[in-house]
Amino acid sequence: MTPTGAAPFFRHARLGSTNDEARRLADEGAGHGTAVQAGEQTAGRGRRGRAWFSPVGNLHLSLLLDSGPEPARAPEIAFVAAVALRETLATLAPDAHFAGKWPNDILCNGAKIAGMLLENHPPFAILGVGVNVVAAPPANEVQYPATCLAAIGCASDADDVGHVFRENVLAWHWRWRQDGFAPIRAAWLEHAAGVGEAVTVRLADQRVLEGRFGGLDADGALLLELPDGGRRQVLAGDVFFARARGAA
């Protein structure tokens, strides 16, 4: 499946959730690459059902992406999207430093600027993306420092970011389908935050693990190097960097 800009791009002034609208469109026959963007979300959500800061002016975008012939590999699309989003932001704001934060965030100069939510809806993965374009959530409402494009002097608006991102993610998705996860993993690690650093990982059951971020395994799991010399794969959790405690 080659990159294409032919799929429709629906823009709305206001929606409850762009992911929910993308799901509705998929059920009505929409195809790969279909995009839904809202000027404002009233029920935006992040991982584990967390509310997503969704004011007017920020990017609230969802895409339908072919999940591929192997359902077990669909979670790899989160890394496809992260590589494409980091590339998009670095193109629009070349003087800033953007890095991927495992599992699904983008940092700008060490502060969170974007996050993603991947939901399975065969034969698609529904990719929701939120980018802080003109505003970031107040410090007392988040667990991790946040910033926005406007704060770093970038004049791009949500439409600019959404357009460039869709082109980039379709191109990276095509490469993923052609060449597998290895080049995606390598591209993500090239611009990853915290590799080799001390981290704390909070698991879904609230257990806490300490160690060093040893990179990704071949399937995208976080490799945690433990104090006793062992190594553990982490499939899901929140990462806290020792230099900036907090979870996105």
Protein backbone atom coordinates (compact mmCIF):
# COMPACT_ATOMS: atom_id res chain seq x y z
CA MET A 1 0.00 0.00 0.00
CA THR A 2 1.77 3.11 -1.20
CA PRO A 3 1.54 6.55 0.41
CA THR A 4 -1.48 8.49 -0.77
CA GLY A 5 -3.01 11.86 -0.18
CA ALA A 6 -6.22 10.82 -1.96
CA ALA A 7 -8.12 9.71 1.15
CA PRO A 8 -10.54 12.32 2.54
CA PHE A 9 -9.55 14.78 5.25
CA PHE A 10 -12.60 15.80 7.31
CA ARG A 11 -12.37 18.98 9.40
CA HIS A 12 -14.89 19.88 12.10
CA ALA A 13 -15.14 22.91 14.35
CA ARG A 14 -16.05 20.74 17.33
CA LEU A 15 -16.34 17.03 18.11
CA GLY A 16 -16.59 14.89 21.19
CA SER A 17 -13.69 12.67 20.11
CA THR A 18 -11.93 12.47 16.74
CA ASN A 19 -11.20 8.78 17.39
CA ASP A 20 -14.90 8.10 17.83
CA GLU A 21 -15.69 9.95 14.60
CA ALA A 22 -12.97 8.01 12.75
CA ARG A 23 -14.46 4.78 14.07
CA ARG A 24 -17.89 5.82 12.77
CA LEU A 25 -16.43 6.60 9.35
CA ALA A 26 -14.66 3.24 9.25
CA ASP A 27 -17.94 1.49 9.97
CA GLU A 28 -19.46 3.41 7.05
CA GLY A 29 -16.74 2.25 4.65
CA ALA A 30 -13.97 4.85 4.93
CA GLY A 31 -10.51 3.64 4.00
CA HIS A 32 -6.84 3.82 4.86
CA GLY A 33 -5.55 7.35 5.30
CA THR A 34 -8.92 8.91 6.13
CA ALA A 35 -8.33 11.78 8.54
CA VAL A 36 -10.60 13.56 11.03
CA GLN A 37 -9.52 16.85 12.58
CA ALA A 38 -11.45 18.91 15.13
CA GLY A 39 -10.88 22.48 16.14
CA GLU A 40 -11.94 21.47 19.64
CA GLN A 41 -12.73 18.21 21.42
CA THR A 42 -15.22 17.97 24.27
CA ALA A 43 -14.41 14.35 25.22
CA GLY A 44 -10.81 13.84 24.10
CA ARG A 45 -9.04 10.93 25.77
CA GLY A 46 -5.53 9.62 26.17
CA ARG A 47 -4.14 6.30 27.36
CA ARG A 48 -6.08 4.44 30.05
CA GLY A 49 -9.07 6.72 29.55
CA ARG A 50 -7.32 9.85 30.79
CA ALA A 51 -8.87 13.14 29.73
CA TRP A 52 -6.94 14.92 26.97
CA PHE A 53 -6.38 18.69 27.04
CA SER A 54 -8.22 19.78 23.87
CA PRO A 55 -8.56 23.57 23.53
CA VAL A 56 -9.22 25.50 20.34
CA GLY A 57 -6.02 25.97 18.35
CA ASN A 58 -4.29 22.74 19.28
CA LEU A 59 -4.21 19.77 16.90
CA HIS A 60 -6.81 17.07 17.52
CA LEU A 61 -6.47 14.53 14.70
CA SER A 62 -7.35 10.90 14.07
CA LEU A 63 -6.38 8.69 11.16
CA LEU A 64 -7.51 5.33 9.88
CA LEU A 65 -4.43 3.21 9.17
CA ASP A 66 -4.41 -0.29 7.73
CA SER A 67 -3.40 -2.53 10.63
CA GLY A 68 -1.69 -5.03 8.33
CA PRO A 69 -2.12 -8.79 7.87
CA GLU A 70 -0.73 -9.74 11.31
CA PRO A 71 -2.93 -8.46 14.16
CA ALA A 72 -0.16 -8.99 16.71
CA ARG A 73 1.97 -6.38 14.92
CA ALA A 74 -0.63 -3.61 14.94
CA PRO A 75 0.82 -1.98 18.12
CA GLU A 76 3.96 -1.24 16.10
CA ILE A 77 1.94 1.50 14.37
CA ALA A 78 2.33 3.60 17.52
CA PHE A 79 6.06 3.78 16.79
CA VAL A 80 5.39 4.45 13.11
CA ALA A 81 3.31 7.43 14.22
CA ALA A 82 5.86 8.61 16.76
CA VAL A 83 8.64 8.65 14.16
CA ALA A 84 6.42 10.53 11.71
CA LEU A 85 5.24 13.05 14.32
CA ARG A 86 8.73 13.79 15.62
CA GLU A 87 9.87 14.29 12.02
CA THR A 88 6.92 16.62 11.36
CA LEU A 89 7.60 18.81 14.38
CA ALA A 90 11.35 18.92 13.70
CA THR A 91 10.60 20.11 10.16
CA LEU A 92 8.24 22.86 11.35
CA ALA A 93 10.43 23.98 14.27
CA PRO A 94 14.01 23.08 13.28
CA ASP A 95 15.65 25.00 16.14
CA ALA A 96 13.97 22.92 18.85
CA HIS A 97 14.93 19.44 20.04
CA PHE A 98 12.22 16.81 19.68
CA ALA A 99 12.45 13.28 21.07
CA GLY A 100 10.19 10.28 21.43
CA LYS A 101 9.21 9.30 24.99
CA TRP A 102 8.20 5.67 25.39
CA PRO A 103 5.57 4.57 24.75
CA ASN A 104 3.59 7.24 22.91
CA ASP A 105 4.68 10.83 23.56
CA ILE A 106 6.86 13.47 21.93
CA LEU A 107 9.00 15.82 24.02
CA CYS A 108 10.19 19.26 22.98
CA ASN A 109 13.29 20.49 24.80
CA GLY A 110 12.42 17.99 27.54
CA ALA A 111 8.73 18.93 27.95
CA LYS A 112 5.75 17.04 26.58
CA ILE A 113 4.30 18.57 23.42
CA ALA A 114 2.33 15.71 21.86
CA GLY A 115 0.76 12.37 22.63
CA MET A 116 -0.93 9.56 20.76
CA LEU A 117 -3.64 6.99 21.35
CA LEU A 118 -3.86 3.84 19.21
CA GLU A 119 -7.11 1.89 19.22
CA ASN A 120 -7.75 -1.37 17.40
CA HIS A 121 -10.70 -1.49 14.99
CA PRO A 122 -9.96 -4.23 12.41
CA PRO A 123 -8.99 -3.93 9.65
CA PHE A 124 -7.76 -0.55 10.90
CA ALA A 125 -5.80 0.94 13.70
CA ILE A 126 -7.37 4.24 14.75
CA LEU A 127 -4.55 6.64 15.53
CA GLY A 128 -5.43 9.66 17.63
CA VAL A 129 -2.86 12.45 17.84
CA GLY A 130 -2.86 15.53 20.03
CA VAL A 131 -0.28 18.29 19.60
CA ASN A 132 0.02 21.36 21.81
CA VAL A 133 0.14 24.02 19.11
CA VAL A 134 -0.99 27.22 20.85
CA ALA A 135 -1.47 26.08 24.45
CA ALA A 136 -0.17 23.56 26.98
CA PRO A 137 -2.03 22.35 30.07
CA PRO A 138 -1.27 24.23 33.30
CA ALA A 139 1.53 22.80 35.41
CA ASN A 140 -0.86 21.98 38.26
CA GLU A 141 -2.96 19.77 35.97
CA VAL A 142 -0.25 17.52 34.54
CA GLN A 143 2.28 15.07 35.91
CA TYR A 144 4.96 15.94 33.38
CA PRO A 145 6.22 19.37 32.20
CA ALA A 146 4.41 20.48 29.02
CA THR A 147 4.97 23.06 26.30
CA CYS A 148 3.51 24.12 22.95
CA LEU A 149 4.75 25.21 19.53
CA ALA A 150 3.80 28.83 20.10
CA ALA A 151 5.96 28.94 23.24
CA ILE A 152 9.06 28.02 21.23
CA GLY A 153 8.36 30.61 18.53
CA CYS A 154 6.87 28.31 15.88
CA ALA A 155 4.18 30.05 13.81
CA SER A 156 2.66 26.87 12.33
CA ASP A 157 -1.02 26.32 13.08
CA ALA A 158 -2.94 23.10 13.66
CA ASP A 159 -3.79 22.74 9.96
CA ASP A 160 -0.11 22.99 9.03
CA VAL A 161 0.84 20.31 11.55
CA GLY A 162 -2.01 18.02 10.59
CA HIS A 163 -1.31 18.22 6.85
CA VAL A 164 2.41 17.54 7.14
CA PHE A 165 1.89 14.80 9.71
CA ARG A 166 -0.60 12.88 7.57
CA GLU A 167 1.80 12.86 4.63
CA ASN A 168 4.67 11.72 6.85
CA VAL A 169 2.78 9.01 8.68
CA LEU A 170 1.43 7.52 5.45
CA ALA A 171 4.96 7.40 4.06
CA TRP A 172 6.34 5.73 7.22
CA HIS A 173 3.37 3.36 7.32
CA TRP A 174 4.14 2.30 3.77
CA ARG A 175 7.76 1.63 4.76
CA TRP A 176 6.56 -0.41 7.76
CA ARG A 177 4.40 -2.55 5.47
CA GLN A 178 7.28 -3.01 3.01
CA ASP A 179 10.27 -3.44 5.35
CA GLY A 180 8.86 -4.44 8.73
CA PHE A 181 9.47 -2.99 12.16
CA ALA A 182 13.29 -2.94 12.16
CA PRO A 183 13.73 0.41 10.33
CA ILE A 184 10.95 1.97 12.42
CA ARG A 185 12.61 0.79 15.64
CA ALA A 186 15.96 2.18 14.49
CA ALA A 187 14.45 5.55 13.55
CA TRP A 188 12.64 5.81 16.89
CA LEU A 189 15.78 4.96 18.89
CA GLU A 190 17.82 7.51 16.96
CA HIS A 191 15.72 10.27 18.53
CA ALA A 192 14.57 8.64 21.77
CA ALA A 193 14.58 10.34 25.15
CA GLY A 194 16.24 8.71 28.13
CA VAL A 195 18.04 5.73 26.60
CA GLY A 196 20.75 4.66 29.02
CA GLU A 197 19.37 6.86 31.79
CA ALA A 198 17.92 5.92 35.16
CA VAL A 199 14.14 5.57 34.99
CA THR A 200 11.22 4.52 37.10
CA VAL A 201 8.43 2.58 35.40
CA ARG A 202 4.95 2.45 36.90
CA LEU A 203 3.09 -0.61 35.64
CA ALA A 204 -0.65 -0.77 35.02
CA ASP A 205 -1.14 -2.55 38.37
CA GLN A 206 0.71 0.36 40.08
CA ARG A 207 3.85 -1.68 40.82
CA VAL A 208 6.99 0.42 40.41
CA LEU A 209 10.25 -0.76 38.83
CA GLU A 210 13.62 1.00 38.96
CA GLY A 211 16.46 0.62 36.48
CA ARG A 212 18.00 2.02 33.32
CA PHE A 213 16.24 2.41 30.00
CA GLY A 214 18.06 -0.08 27.80
CA GLY A 215 16.20 0.62 24.56
CA LEU A 216 13.55 -1.40 22.73
CA ASP A 217 13.32 -5.08 21.97
CA ALA A 218 12.48 -6.30 18.48
CA ASP A 219 8.75 -5.86 19.16
CA GLY A 220 8.86 -2.39 20.75
CA ALA A 221 8.80 -3.39 24.43
CA LEU A 222 10.89 -1.24 26.77
CA LEU A 223 14.03 -3.00 28.00
CA LEU A 224 14.63 -2.18 31.64
CA GLU A 225 18.11 -2.94 32.96
CA LEU A 226 17.62 -3.85 36.62
CA PRO A 227 19.98 -3.02 39.51
CA ASP A 228 20.76 -6.74 40.02
CA GLY A 229 22.07 -7.01 36.45
CA GLY A 230 18.95 -8.58 35.03
CA ARG A 231 16.82 -7.22 32.24
CA ARG A 232 13.05 -7.02 32.01
CA GLN A 233 10.70 -6.39 29.12
CA VAL A 234 7.95 -3.86 29.87
CA LEU A 235 4.96 -3.98 27.53
CA ALA A 236 2.95 -1.14 29.09
CA GLY A 237 3.57 1.46 31.74
CA ASP A 238 4.41 5.08 32.52
CA VAL A 239 8.06 6.16 32.42
CA PHE A 240 9.56 8.67 34.84
CA PHE A 241 13.02 10.07 34.08
CA ALA A 242 15.25 10.64 37.08
CA ARG A 243 16.12 14.11 35.73
CA ALA A 244 12.43 15.10 35.34
CA ARG A 245 10.20 12.99 37.52
CA GLY A 246 6.68 12.61 36.19
CA ALA A 247 4.63 10.47 33.91
CA ALA A 248 2.95 11.57 30.75
